[in-house]
PDB file of N, CA and C in Angstrom:
ATOM      1  N   MET A   1     -26.961 -73.610  27.536  1.00  0.00           N
ATOM      2  CA  MET A   1     -27.297 -74.887  28.110  1.00  0.00           C
ATOM      3  C   MET A   1     -26.987 -75.966  27.073  1.00  0.00           C
ATOM      4  N   SER A   2     -26.384 -77.043  27.522  1.00  0.00           N
ATOM      5  CA  SER A   2     -26.070 -78.145  26.609  1.00  0.00           C
ATOM      6  C   SER A   2     -27.293 -79.042  26.435  1.00  0.00           C
ATOM      7  N   ARG A   3     -27.235 -79.883  25.421  1.00  0.00           N
ATOM      8  CA  ARG A   3     -28.345 -80.806  25.168  1.00  0.00           C
ATOM      9  C   ARG A   3     -28.508 -81.805  26.316  1.00  0.00           C
ATOM     10  N   GLU A   4     -27.390 -82.257  26.905  1.00  0.00           N
ATOM     11  CA  GLU A   4     -27.533 -83.183  28.027  1.00  0.00           C
ATOM     12  C   GLU A   4     -28.056 -82.459  29.271  1.00  0.00           C
ATOM     13  N   ASP A   5     -27.743 -81.183  29.441  1.00  0.00           N
ATOM     14  CA  ASP A   5     -28.321 -80.414  30.542  1.00  0.00           C
ATOM     15  C   ASP A   5     -29.823 -80.220  30.346  1.00  0.00           C
ATOM     16  N   LEU A   6     -30.231 -80.022  29.101  1.00  0.00           N
ATOM     17  CA  LEU A   6     -31.657 -79.922  28.807  1.00  0.00           C
ATOM     18  C   LEU A   6     -32.352 -81.234  29.155  1.00  0.00           C
ATOM     19  N   ALA A   7     -31.699 -82.347  28.883  1.00  0.00           N
ATOM     20  CA  ALA A   7     -32.273 -83.651  29.237  1.00  0.00           C
ATOM     21  C   ALA A   7     -32.520 -83.737  30.741  1.00  0.00           C
ATOM     22  N   VAL A   8     -31.565 -83.281  31.535  1.00  0.00           N
ATOM     23  CA  VAL A   8     -31.732 -83.282  32.994  1.00  0.00           C
ATOM     24  C   VAL A   8     -32.907 -82.398  33.388  1.00  0.00           C
ATOM     25  N   TRP A   9     -32.980 -81.226  32.806  1.00  0.00           N
ATOM     26  CA  TRP A   9     -34.063 -80.295  33.121  1.00  0.00           C
ATOM     27  C   TRP A   9     -35.422 -80.894  32.780  1.00  0.00           C
ATOM     28  N   LEU A  10     -35.531 -81.532  31.612  1.00  0.00           N
ATOM     29  CA  LEU A  10     -36.798 -82.127  31.191  1.00  0.00           C
ATOM     30  C   LEU A  10     -37.225 -83.251  32.134  1.00  0.00           C
ATOM     31  N   VAL A  11     -36.290 -84.123  32.482  1.00  0.00           N
ATOM     32  CA  VAL A  11     -36.606 -85.238  33.383  1.00  0.00           C
ATOM     33  C   VAL A  11     -37.040 -84.708  34.751  1.00  0.00           C
ATOM     34  N   ASN A  12     -36.316 -83.732  35.259  1.00  0.00           N
ATOM     35  CA  ASN A  12     -36.682 -83.162  36.560  1.00  0.00           C
ATOM     36  C   ASN A  12     -38.034 -82.456  36.502  1.00  0.00           C
ATOM     37  N   SER A  13     -38.338 -81.823  35.382  1.00  0.00           N
ATOM     38  CA  SER A  13     -39.631 -81.148  35.218  1.00  0.00           C
ATOM     39  C   SER A  13     -40.785 -82.132  35.269  1.00  0.00           C
ATOM     40  N   LEU A  14     -40.542 -83.340  34.815  1.00  0.00           N
ATOM     41  CA  LEU A  14     -41.575 -84.376  34.844  1.00  0.00           C
ATOM     42  C   LEU A  14     -41.640 -85.105  36.184  1.00  0.00           C
ATOM     43  N   GLY A  15     -40.675 -84.829  37.050  1.00  0.00           N
ATOM     44  CA  GLY A  15     -40.647 -85.499  38.345  1.00  0.00           C
ATOM     45  C   GLY A  15     -40.082 -86.908  38.279  1.00  0.00           C
ATOM     46  N   TYR A  16     -39.267 -87.197  37.258  1.00  0.00           N
ATOM     47  CA  TYR A  16     -38.708 -88.534  37.070  1.00  0.00           C
ATOM     48  C   TYR A  16     -37.255 -88.650  37.545  1.00  0.00           C
ATOM     49  N   HIS A  17     -36.835 -87.760  38.416  1.00  0.00           N
ATOM     50  CA  HIS A  17     -35.452 -87.790  38.914  1.00  0.00           C
ATOM     51  C   HIS A  17     -35.118 -89.143  39.534  1.00  0.00           C
ATOM     52  N   ASP A  18     -36.057 -89.712  40.287  1.00  0.00           N
ATOM     53  CA  ASP A  18     -35.803 -91.007  40.930  1.00  0.00           C
ATOM     54  C   ASP A  18     -35.577 -92.112  39.899  1.00  0.00           C
ATOM     55  N   VAL A  19     -36.262 -92.030  38.782  1.00  0.00           N
ATOM     56  CA  VAL A  19     -36.064 -93.021  37.718  1.00  0.00           C
ATOM     57  C   VAL A  19     -34.663 -92.852  37.130  1.00  0.00           C
ATOM     58  N   ALA A  20     -34.259 -91.627  36.892  1.00  0.00           N
ATOM     59  CA  ALA A  20     -32.932 -91.365  36.328  1.00  0.00           C
ATOM     60  C   ALA A  20     -31.822 -91.770  37.294  1.00  0.00           C
ATOM     61  N   ALA A  21     -32.119 -91.814  38.574  1.00  0.00           N
ATOM     62  CA  ALA A  21     -31.109 -92.125  39.587  1.00  0.00           C
ATOM     63  C   ALA A  21     -30.873 -93.626  39.771  1.00  0.00           C
ATOM     64  N   ILE A  22     -31.594 -94.474  39.052  1.00  0.00           N
ATOM     65  CA  ILE A  22     -31.379 -95.913  39.210  1.00  0.00           C
ATOM     66  C   ILE A  22     -29.946 -96.262  38.828  1.00  0.00           C
ATOM     67  N   LYS A  23     -29.443 -97.333  39.410  1.00  0.00           N
ATOM     68  CA  LYS A  23     -28.058 -97.720  39.160  1.00  0.00           C
ATOM     69  C   LYS A  23     -27.859 -98.333  37.774  1.00  0.00           C
ATOM     70  N   ASN A  24     -28.868 -98.993  37.261  1.00  0.00           N
ATOM     71  CA  ASN A  24     -28.765 -99.575  35.916  1.00  0.00           C
ATOM     72  C   ASN A  24     -28.786 -98.463  34.885  1.00  0.00           C
ATOM     73  N   ARG A  25     -27.995 -98.621  33.859  1.00  0.00           N
ATOM     74  CA  ARG A  25     -27.933 -97.599  32.819  1.00  0.00           C
ATOM     75  C   ARG A  25     -29.072 -97.770  31.822  1.00  0.00           C
ATOM     76  N   ILE A  26     -29.742 -96.678  31.524  1.00  0.00           N
ATOM     77  CA  ILE A  26     -30.767 -96.670  30.500  1.00  0.00           C
ATOM     78  C   ILE A  26     -30.047 -96.472  29.171  1.00  0.00           C
ATOM     79  N   GLU A  27     -30.133 -97.464  28.318  1.00  0.00           N
ATOM     80  CA  GLU A  27     -29.398 -97.446  27.056  1.00  0.00           C
ATOM     81  C   GLU A  27     -29.989 -96.433  26.075  1.00  0.00           C
ATOM     82  N   THR A  28     -29.118 -95.898  25.243  1.00  0.00           N
ATOM     83  CA  THR A  28     -29.521 -94.989  24.179  1.00  0.00           C
ATOM     84  C   THR A  28     -28.962 -95.520  22.862  1.00  0.00           C
ATOM     85  N   PRO A  29     -29.652 -95.262  21.770  1.00  0.00           N
ATOM     86  CA  PRO A  29     -29.219 -95.790  20.480  1.00  0.00           C
ATOM     87  C   PRO A  29     -28.267 -94.871  19.708  1.00  0.00           C
ATOM     88  N   PHE A  30     -27.721 -93.851  20.353  1.00  0.00           N
ATOM     89  CA  PHE A  30     -26.939 -92.842  19.647  1.00  0.00           C
ATOM     90  C   PHE A  30     -25.519 -93.308  19.346  1.00  0.00           C
ATOM     91  N   LYS A  31     -24.965 -92.808  18.246  1.00  0.00           N
ATOM     92  CA  LYS A  31     -23.593 -93.140  17.867  1.00  0.00           C
ATOM     93  C   LYS A  31     -22.570 -92.491  18.790  1.00  0.00           C
ATOM     94  N   ASP A  32     -22.949 -91.414  19.474  1.00  0.00           N
ATOM     95  CA  ASP A  32     -22.009 -90.712  20.354  1.00  0.00           C
ATOM     96  C   ASP A  32     -22.360 -90.876  21.840  1.00  0.00           C
ATOM     97  N   THR A  33     -22.924 -92.023  22.177  1.00  0.00           N
ATOM     98  CA  THR A  33     -23.304 -92.300  23.562  1.00  0.00           C
ATOM     99  C   THR A  33     -22.110 -92.162  24.508  1.00  0.00           C
ATOM    100  N   ASP A  34     -20.925 -92.504  24.034  1.00  0.00           N
ATOM    101  CA  ASP A  34     -19.732 -92.424  24.872  1.00  0.00           C
ATOM    102  C   ASP A  34     -19.374 -90.987  25.259  1.00  0.00           C
ATOM    103  N   GLN A  35     -19.962 -90.004  24.619  1.00  0.00           N
ATOM    104  CA  GLN A  35     -19.685 -88.603  24.937  1.00  0.00           C
ATOM    105  C   GLN A  35     -20.656 -88.024  25.964  1.00  0.00           C
ATOM    106  N   ILE A  36     -21.642 -88.802  26.358  1.00  0.00           N
ATOM    107  CA  ILE A  36     -22.605 -88.347  27.358  1.00  0.00           C
ATOM    108  C   ILE A  36     -21.995 -88.532  28.739  1.00  0.00           C
ATOM    109  N   ALA A  37     -22.056 -87.497  29.570  1.00  0.00           N
ATOM    110  CA  ALA A  37     -21.513 -87.580  30.926  1.00  0.00           C
ATOM    111  C   ALA A  37     -22.191 -88.734  31.666  1.00  0.00           C
ATOM    112  N   PRO A  38     -21.416 -89.559  32.375  1.00  0.00           N
ATOM    113  CA  PRO A  38     -21.991 -90.723  33.055  1.00  0.00           C
ATOM    114  C   PRO A  38     -23.164 -90.382  33.989  1.00  0.00           C
ATOM    115  N   ASP A  39     -23.087 -89.240  34.664  1.00  0.00           N
ATOM    116  CA  ASP A  39     -24.167 -88.885  35.591  1.00  0.00           C
ATOM    117  C   ASP A  39     -25.401 -88.332  34.880  1.00  0.00           C
ATOM    118  N   LYS A  40     -25.324 -88.161  33.572  1.00  0.00           N
ATOM    119  CA  LYS A  40     -26.464 -87.647  32.801  1.00  0.00           C
ATOM    120  C   LYS A  40     -26.995 -88.673  31.795  1.00  0.00           C
ATOM    121  N   ALA A  41     -26.368 -89.829  31.732  1.00  0.00           N
ATOM    122  CA  ALA A  41     -26.733 -90.832  30.730  1.00  0.00           C
ATOM    123  C   ALA A  41     -28.185 -91.289  30.870  1.00  0.00           C
ATOM    124  N   ASN A  42     -28.634 -91.547  32.090  1.00  0.00           N
ATOM    125  CA  ASN A  42     -30.013 -91.998  32.259  1.00  0.00           C
ATOM    126  C   ASN A  42     -31.019 -90.905  31.926  1.00  0.00           C
ATOM    127  N   TYR A  43     -30.656 -89.669  32.164  1.00  0.00           N
ATOM    128  CA  TYR A  43     -31.538 -88.556  31.793  1.00  0.00           C
ATOM    129  C   TYR A  43     -31.710 -88.509  30.276  1.00  0.00           C
ATOM    130  N   VAL A  44     -30.597 -88.656  29.565  1.00  0.00           N
ATOM    131  CA  VAL A  44     -30.642 -88.649  28.105  1.00  0.00           C
ATOM    132  C   VAL A  44     -31.458 -89.842  27.610  1.00  0.00           C
ATOM    133  N   GLY A  45     -31.258 -91.011  28.209  1.00  0.00           N
ATOM    134  CA  GLY A  45     -32.025 -92.188  27.833  1.00  0.00           C
ATOM    135  C   GLY A  45     -33.521 -91.997  28.045  1.00  0.00           C
ATOM    136  N   LEU A  46     -33.877 -91.362  29.143  1.00  0.00           N
ATOM    137  CA  LEU A  46     -35.291 -91.111  29.420  1.00  0.00           C
ATOM    138  C   LEU A  46     -35.918 -90.154  28.419  1.00  0.00           C
ATOM    139  N   VAL A  47     -35.255 -89.037  28.139  1.00  0.00           N
ATOM    140  CA  VAL A  47     -35.865 -88.076  27.211  1.00  0.00           C
ATOM    141  C   VAL A  47     -35.962 -88.650  25.802  1.00  0.00           C
ATOM    142  N   GLU A  48     -35.009 -89.493  25.440  1.00  0.00           N
ATOM    143  CA  GLU A  48     -35.092 -90.143  24.134  1.00  0.00           C
ATOM    144  C   GLU A  48     -36.274 -91.107  24.124  1.00  0.00           C
ATOM    145  N   GLY A  49     -36.398 -91.908  25.165  1.00  0.00           N
ATOM    146  CA  GLY A  49     -37.491 -92.864  25.249  1.00  0.00           C
ATOM    147  C   GLY A  49     -38.864 -92.219  25.311  1.00  0.00           C
ATOM    148  N   LEU A  50     -38.937 -91.053  25.929  1.00  0.00           N
ATOM    149  CA  LEU A  50     -40.201 -90.330  26.050  1.00  0.00           C
ATOM    150  C   LEU A  50     -40.508 -89.474  24.822  1.00  0.00           C
ATOM    151  N   GLY A  51     -39.559 -89.407  23.900  1.00  0.00           N
ATOM    152  CA  GLY A  51     -39.768 -88.637  22.675  1.00  0.00           C
ATOM    153  C   GLY A  51     -39.648 -87.134  22.866  1.00  0.00           C
ATOM    154  N   LEU A  52     -38.931 -86.724  23.895  1.00  0.00           N
ATOM    155  CA  LEU A  52     -38.784 -85.287  24.168  1.00  0.00           C
ATOM    156  C   LEU A  52     -37.573 -84.670  23.485  1.00  0.00           C
ATOM    157  N   LEU A  53     -36.538 -85.468  23.273  1.00  0.00           N
ATOM    158  CA  LEU A  53     -35.303 -84.967  22.674  1.00  0.00           C
ATOM    159  C   LEU A  53     -34.591 -86.162  22.068  1.00  0.00           C
ATOM    160  N   GLY A  54     -34.151 -86.033  20.846  1.00  0.00           N
ATOM    161  CA  GLY A  54     -33.543 -87.175  20.182  1.00  0.00           C
ATOM    162  C   GLY A  54     -32.303 -86.825  19.400  1.00  0.00           C
ATOM    163  N   ALA A  55     -31.987 -87.686  18.477  1.00  0.00           N
ATOM    164  CA  ALA A  55     -30.768 -87.570  17.682  1.00  0.00           C
ATOM    165  C   ALA A  55     -31.013 -86.788  16.401  1.00  0.00           C
ATOM    166  N   ASP A  56     -29.908 -86.439  15.757  1.00  0.00           N
ATOM    167  CA  ASP A  56     -30.008 -85.794  14.441  1.00  0.00           C
ATOM    168  C   ASP A  56     -30.222 -86.873  13.374  1.00  0.00           C
ATOM    169  N   GLU A  57     -30.208 -86.486  12.125  1.00  0.00           N
ATOM    170  CA  GLU A  57     -30.482 -87.424  11.035  1.00  0.00           C
ATOM    171  C   GLU A  57     -29.420 -88.508  10.889  1.00  0.00           C
ATOM    172  N   ASN A  58     -28.247 -88.302  11.496  1.00  0.00           N
ATOM    173  CA  ASN A  58     -27.174 -89.296  11.446  1.00  0.00           C
ATOM    174  C   ASN A  58     -27.070 -90.108  12.732  1.00  0.00           C
ATOM    175  N   ASN A  59     -28.044 -89.961  13.609  1.00  0.00           N
ATOM    176  CA  ASN A  59     -28.140 -90.677  14.884  1.00  0.00           C
ATOM    177  C   ASN A  59     -27.078 -90.245  15.904  1.00  0.00           C
ATOM    178  N   TYR A  60     -26.717 -88.957  15.879  1.00  0.00           N
ATOM    179  CA  TYR A  60     -25.835 -88.378  16.886  1.00  0.00           C
ATOM    180  C   TYR A  60     -26.664 -87.481  17.796  1.00  0.00           C
ATOM    181  N   PHE A  61     -26.417 -87.578  19.093  1.00  0.00           N
ATOM    182  CA  PHE A  61     -27.146 -86.764  20.062  1.00  0.00           C
ATOM    183  C   PHE A  61     -26.471 -85.409  20.295  1.00  0.00           C
ATOM    184  N   HIS A  62     -25.177 -85.337  20.187  1.00  0.00           N
ATOM    185  CA  HIS A  62     -24.394 -84.115  20.428  1.00  0.00           C
ATOM    186  C   HIS A  62     -24.648 -83.592  21.844  1.00  0.00           C
ATOM    187  N   PRO A  63     -24.273 -84.383  22.860  1.00  0.00           N
ATOM    188  CA  PRO A  63     -24.619 -84.047  24.244  1.00  0.00           C
ATOM    189  C   PRO A  63     -24.076 -82.716  24.755  1.00  0.00           C
ATOM    190  N   GLN A  64     -22.903 -82.302  24.332  1.00  0.00           N
ATOM    191  CA  GLN A  64     -22.333 -81.052  24.830  1.00  0.00           C
ATOM    192  C   GLN A  64     -22.653 -79.845  23.954  1.00  0.00           C
ATOM    193  N   ALA A  65     -23.325 -80.055  22.854  1.00  0.00           N
ATOM    194  CA  ALA A  65     -23.678 -78.939  21.977  1.00  0.00           C
ATOM    195  C   ALA A  65     -24.705 -78.043  22.656  1.00  0.00           C
ATOM    196  N   ALA A  66     -24.573 -76.759  22.424  1.00  0.00           N
ATOM    197  CA  ALA A  66     -25.543 -75.810  22.973  1.00  0.00           C
ATOM    198  C   ALA A  66     -26.878 -76.003  22.265  1.00  0.00           C
ATOM    199  N   ILE A  67     -27.958 -75.969  23.026  1.00  0.00           N
ATOM    200  CA  ILE A  67     -29.272 -76.118  22.412  1.00  0.00           C
ATOM    201  C   ILE A  67     -29.617 -74.850  21.650  1.00  0.00           C
ATOM    202  N   THR A  68     -30.394 -75.028  20.628  1.00  0.00           N
ATOM    203  CA  THR A  68     -30.854 -73.878  19.852  1.00  0.00           C
ATOM    204  C   THR A  68     -32.220 -73.454  20.393  1.00  0.00           C
ATOM    205  N   TRP A  69     -32.641 -72.258  20.015  1.00  0.00           N
ATOM    206  CA  TRP A  69     -33.974 -71.798  20.415  1.00  0.00           C
ATOM    207  C   TRP A  69     -35.039 -72.736  19.864  1.00  0.00           C
ATOM    208  N   ALA A  70     -34.838 -73.228  18.655  1.00  0.00           N
ATOM    209  CA  ALA A  70     -35.807 -74.137  18.041  1.00  0.00           C
ATOM    210  C   ALA A  70     -35.908 -75.442  18.826  1.00  0.00           C
ATOM    211  N   GLU A  71     -34.757 -75.976  19.243  1.00  0.00           N
ATOM    212  CA  GLU A  71     -34.772 -77.198  20.050  1.00  0.00           C
ATOM    213  C   GLU A  71     -35.469 -76.969  21.386  1.00  0.00           C
ATOM    214  N   MET A  72     -35.202 -75.819  22.001  1.00  0.00           N
ATOM    215  CA  MET A  72     -35.831 -75.509  23.283  1.00  0.00           C
ATOM    216  C   MET A  72     -37.339 -75.385  23.123  1.00  0.00           C
ATOM    217  N   ALA A  73     -37.776 -74.694  22.073  1.00  0.00           N
ATOM    218  CA  ALA A  73     -39.207 -74.531  21.839  1.00  0.00           C
ATOM    219  C   ALA A  73     -39.877 -75.876  21.572  1.00  0.00           C
ATOM    220  N   ASN A  74     -39.234 -76.712  20.789  1.00  0.00           N
ATOM    221  CA  ASN A  74     -39.772 -78.027  20.475  1.00  0.00           C
ATOM    222  C   ASN A  74     -39.866 -78.888  21.736  1.00  0.00           C
ATOM    223  N   ALA A  75     -38.804 -78.904  22.536  1.00  0.00           N
ATOM    224  CA  ALA A  75     -38.804 -79.692  23.768  1.00  0.00           C
ATOM    225  C   ALA A  75     -39.852 -79.170  24.749  1.00  0.00           C
ATOM    226  N   ALA A  76     -39.986 -77.852  24.852  1.00  0.00           N
ATOM    227  CA  ALA A  76     -40.976 -77.264  25.760  1.00  0.00           C
ATOM    228  C   ALA A  76     -42.392 -77.625  25.327  1.00  0.00           C
ATOM    229  N   ALA A  77     -42.646 -77.617  24.021  1.00  0.00           N
ATOM    230  CA  ALA A  77     -43.971 -77.986  23.515  1.00  0.00           C
ATOM    231  C   ALA A  77     -44.266 -79.453  23.795  1.00  0.00           C
ATOM    232  N   ARG A  78     -43.293 -80.307  23.608  1.00  0.00           N
ATOM    233  CA  ARG A  78     -43.486 -81.740  23.892  1.00  0.00           C
ATOM    234  C   ARG A  78     -43.684 -81.976  25.382  1.00  0.00           C
ATOM    235  N   LEU A  79     -42.938 -81.248  26.204  1.00  0.00           N
ATOM    236  CA  LEU A  79     -43.096 -81.358  27.654  1.00  0.00           C
ATOM    237  C   LEU A  79     -44.488 -80.904  28.061  1.00  0.00           C
ATOM    238  N   ALA A  80     -44.944 -79.784  27.538  1.00  0.00           N
ATOM    239  CA  ALA A  80     -46.276 -79.269  27.861  1.00  0.00           C
ATOM    240  C   ALA A  80     -47.363 -80.266  27.449  1.00  0.00           C
ATOM    241  N   ALA A  81     -47.209 -80.848  26.277  1.00  0.00           N
ATOM    242  CA  ALA A  81     -48.197 -81.840  25.819  1.00  0.00           C
ATOM    243  C   ALA A  81     -48.225 -83.049  26.730  1.00  0.00           C
ATOM    244  N   ARG A  82     -47.063 -83.469  27.199  1.00  0.00           N
ATOM    245  CA  ARG A  82     -46.981 -84.650  28.073  1.00  0.00           C
ATOM    246  C   ARG A  82     -47.561 -84.328  29.453  1.00  0.00           C
ATOM    247  N   THR A  83     -47.293 -83.153  29.990  1.00  0.00           N
ATOM    248  CA  THR A  83     -47.754 -82.830  31.340  1.00  0.00           C
ATOM    249  C   THR A  83     -49.226 -82.431  31.376  1.00  0.00           C
ATOM    250  N   HIS A  84     -49.786 -82.058  30.236  1.00  0.00           N
ATOM    251  CA  HIS A  84     -51.179 -81.657  30.185  1.00  0.00           C
ATOM    252  C   HIS A  84     -52.060 -82.671  29.454  1.00  0.00           C
ATOM    253  N   ALA A  85     -51.532 -83.848  29.198  1.00  0.00           N
ATOM    254  CA  ALA A  85     -52.304 -84.877  28.515  1.00  0.00           C
ATOM    255  C   ALA A  85     -53.515 -85.248  29.352  1.00  0.00           C
ATOM    256  N   GLY A  86     -54.631 -85.334  28.711  1.00  0.00           N
ATOM    257  CA  GLY A  86     -55.845 -85.727  29.406  1.00  0.00           C
ATOM    258  C   GLY A  86     -56.642 -84.561  29.966  1.00  0.00           C
ATOM    259  N   TYR A  87     -56.157 -83.347  29.776  1.00  0.00           N
ATOM    260  CA  TYR A  87     -56.880 -82.187  30.300  1.00  0.00           C
ATOM    261  C   TYR A  87     -57.630 -81.483  29.212  1.00  0.00           C
TER     262      TYR A  87
END
């Protein structure tokens, strides 16, 4: 699974698909924003804004890179914390 595919999965898991589907583009601060697939750009913007998935130390997102187990575990933990907040 690519990092941008993980972004789609995370947004859909939160039920924010309708937000990602807006026509206006959600901006991202990454140096490689131009490499994000146009139909996944808002998903990436949302997960970055929500603190679920971000850039490396050089501010690159690497949208097509395969996610690592560590990235998946970290994203899953952040997702769980967000969906169970207040319980």
